[in-house]
Amino acid sequence: MPTVNKQSTRVDFSQLTDSLASNTAVSDVFGAGGKIYFLFVSSSGTAAAGFDFLKLYDTKDQVDLATDAPDFVFPITYSKNEVFHFPDGLTISNGLGYVASNTGGTGAGSNPNRTLSIQMVFK
């Protein structure tokens, strides 16, 4: 289950942490649109070759994995830490939903083959 921490400073950012991202969709994480500036995904497990995927959805509605196509798909190499920086922000207009999967593209797939942990900075 994700945790969202709201930072109340002159620069108003939120941070999401999800230590067990799975193929269960998480919807409307921040309750509004905005921009993602930083995304860190850690894949733990054995060092076999392959990828899991983090899929982001620009919607405030519940994500339907059978019918909704992701707006962004990030390949996550097995047993690696992946860091994605977006200096100008990755725009999410409506709300943020996400799911972790063992299948890329628009297919629902099933749970990732490795344990994925996510950290994200959003404003």
Protein backbone atom coordinates (compact mmCIF):
# COMPACT_ATOMS: atom_id res chain seq x y z
CA MET A 1 0.00 0.00 0.00
CA PRO A 2 1.48 3.38 -0.98
CA THR A 3 2.29 6.12 1.48
CA VAL A 4 2.01 9.77 0.42
CA ASN A 5 3.83 12.43 2.43
CA LYS A 6 2.85 16.04 1.82
CA GLN A 7 5.74 18.46 2.31
CA SER A 8 4.68 21.89 3.58
CA THR A 9 7.56 24.13 2.63
CA ARG A 10 8.03 27.05 0.26
CA VAL A 11 8.44 24.43 -2.46
CA ASP A 12 5.33 22.28 -2.09
CA PHE A 13 6.04 18.68 -3.20
CA SER A 14 4.53 15.30 -2.32
CA GLN A 15 6.47 12.06 -2.10
CA LEU A 16 5.00 8.63 -2.75
CA THR A 17 6.61 5.48 -1.36
CA ASP A 18 5.32 2.00 -2.22
CA SER A 19 7.51 -0.85 -1.00
CA LEU A 20 5.49 -3.68 -2.59
CA ALA A 21 4.19 -2.46 -5.94
CA SER A 22 2.03 -5.12 -7.55
CA ASN A 23 -0.42 -5.79 -10.36
CA THR A 24 -3.22 -4.29 -8.25
CA ALA A 25 -3.95 -0.85 -9.67
CA VAL A 26 -3.51 2.15 -7.40
CA SER A 27 -5.67 5.09 -8.48
CA ASP A 28 -5.80 8.86 -7.91
CA VAL A 29 -2.70 8.80 -5.73
CA PHE A 30 -2.34 12.55 -5.21
CA GLY A 31 -5.99 13.57 -5.66
CA ALA A 32 -5.15 16.02 -8.47
CA GLY A 33 -3.11 16.52 -11.60
CA GLY A 34 0.44 17.83 -11.50
CA LYS A 35 3.94 16.84 -12.52
CA ILE A 36 6.30 14.01 -11.60
CA TYR A 37 9.88 15.23 -11.21
CA PHE A 38 11.66 12.15 -9.90
CA LEU A 39 10.95 8.43 -10.07
CA PHE A 40 13.08 5.76 -8.39
CA VAL A 41 12.27 2.06 -8.77
CA SER A 42 14.25 -0.68 -7.06
CA SER A 43 13.98 -4.27 -8.28
CA SER A 44 15.16 -6.88 -5.79
CA GLY A 45 15.79 -10.56 -6.39
CA THR A 46 18.22 -12.71 -8.31
CA ALA A 47 20.22 -11.27 -11.18
CA ALA A 48 18.64 -13.17 -14.08
CA ALA A 49 18.13 -11.15 -17.26
CA GLY A 50 14.72 -9.61 -17.85
CA PHE A 51 12.34 -6.76 -17.16
CA ASP A 52 9.31 -5.87 -15.10
CA PHE A 53 7.31 -2.73 -15.90
CA LEU A 54 5.87 0.26 -14.07
CA LYS A 55 2.81 1.67 -15.85
CA LEU A 56 1.43 5.15 -15.14
CA TYR A 57 -2.11 6.24 -15.93
CA ASP A 58 -3.30 9.85 -16.26
CA THR A 59 -6.72 9.41 -14.63
CA LYS A 60 -8.49 10.13 -11.38
CA ASP A 61 -10.83 7.18 -11.99
CA GLN A 62 -10.20 3.60 -10.90
CA VAL A 63 -7.76 2.01 -13.38
CA ASP A 64 -9.28 -0.94 -15.26
CA LEU A 65 -6.36 -3.15 -16.32
CA ALA A 66 -8.54 -4.96 -18.87
CA THR A 67 -9.46 -1.82 -20.84
CA ASP A 68 -7.29 1.18 -19.86
CA ALA A 69 -4.06 1.76 -21.77
CA PRO A 70 -1.19 3.21 -19.72
CA ASP A 71 0.04 6.69 -20.60
CA PHE A 72 3.64 5.88 -19.67
CA VAL A 73 5.46 2.53 -19.40
CA PHE A 74 8.87 2.23 -17.73
CA PRO A 75 10.94 -0.97 -18.13
CA ILE A 76 12.63 -1.97 -14.87
CA THR A 77 15.65 -4.26 -15.25
CA TYR A 78 15.67 -7.23 -12.87
CA SER A 79 17.78 -6.68 -9.74
CA LYS A 80 18.65 -3.08 -10.62
CA ASN A 81 17.80 0.39 -9.34
CA GLU A 82 16.29 2.60 -12.04
CA VAL A 83 16.25 6.39 -11.69
CA PHE A 84 14.19 8.66 -13.93
CA HIS A 85 14.55 12.46 -13.71
CA PHE A 86 12.12 14.86 -15.39
CA PRO A 87 13.60 18.38 -14.95
CA ASP A 88 10.53 20.05 -16.49
CA GLY A 89 8.14 17.53 -14.93
CA LEU A 90 6.21 14.66 -16.50
CA THR A 91 2.70 16.14 -16.76
CA ILE A 92 -0.21 14.24 -15.25
CA SER A 93 -3.33 16.29 -16.09
CA ASN A 94 -6.13 14.46 -14.26
CA GLY A 95 -4.74 12.27 -11.50
CA LEU A 96 -2.12 9.56 -11.13
CA GLY A 97 -2.77 5.85 -11.20
CA TYR A 98 -0.12 3.14 -11.47
CA VAL A 99 0.46 -0.58 -11.56
CA ALA A 100 3.54 -2.83 -11.62
CA SER A 101 3.46 -5.75 -14.05
CA ASN A 102 5.54 -8.45 -15.66
CA THR A 103 4.15 -7.44 -19.08
CA GLY A 104 5.02 -4.31 -21.06
CA GLY A 105 2.70 -2.42 -23.37
CA THR A 106 -1.03 -2.22 -22.73
CA GLY A 107 -1.58 -5.80 -21.50
CA ALA A 108 -2.54 -6.27 -17.85
CA GLY A 109 -0.04 -9.07 -17.22
CA SER A 110 0.38 -10.32 -13.68
CA ASN A 111 2.50 -9.45 -10.65
CA PRO A 112 6.11 -8.43 -11.35
CA ASN A 113 8.67 -11.23 -11.35
CA ARG A 114 10.77 -9.31 -8.79
CA THR A 115 9.80 -7.18 -5.79
CA LEU A 116 9.49 -3.56 -6.93
CA SER A 117 9.77 -0.59 -4.58
CA ILE A 118 8.81 2.85 -5.83
CA GLN A 119 9.62 6.40 -4.75
CA MET A 120 8.19 9.34 -6.62
CA VAL A 121 8.26 13.15 -6.18
CA PHE A 122 5.17 14.97 -7.43
CA LYS A 123 3.91 18.53 -7.44
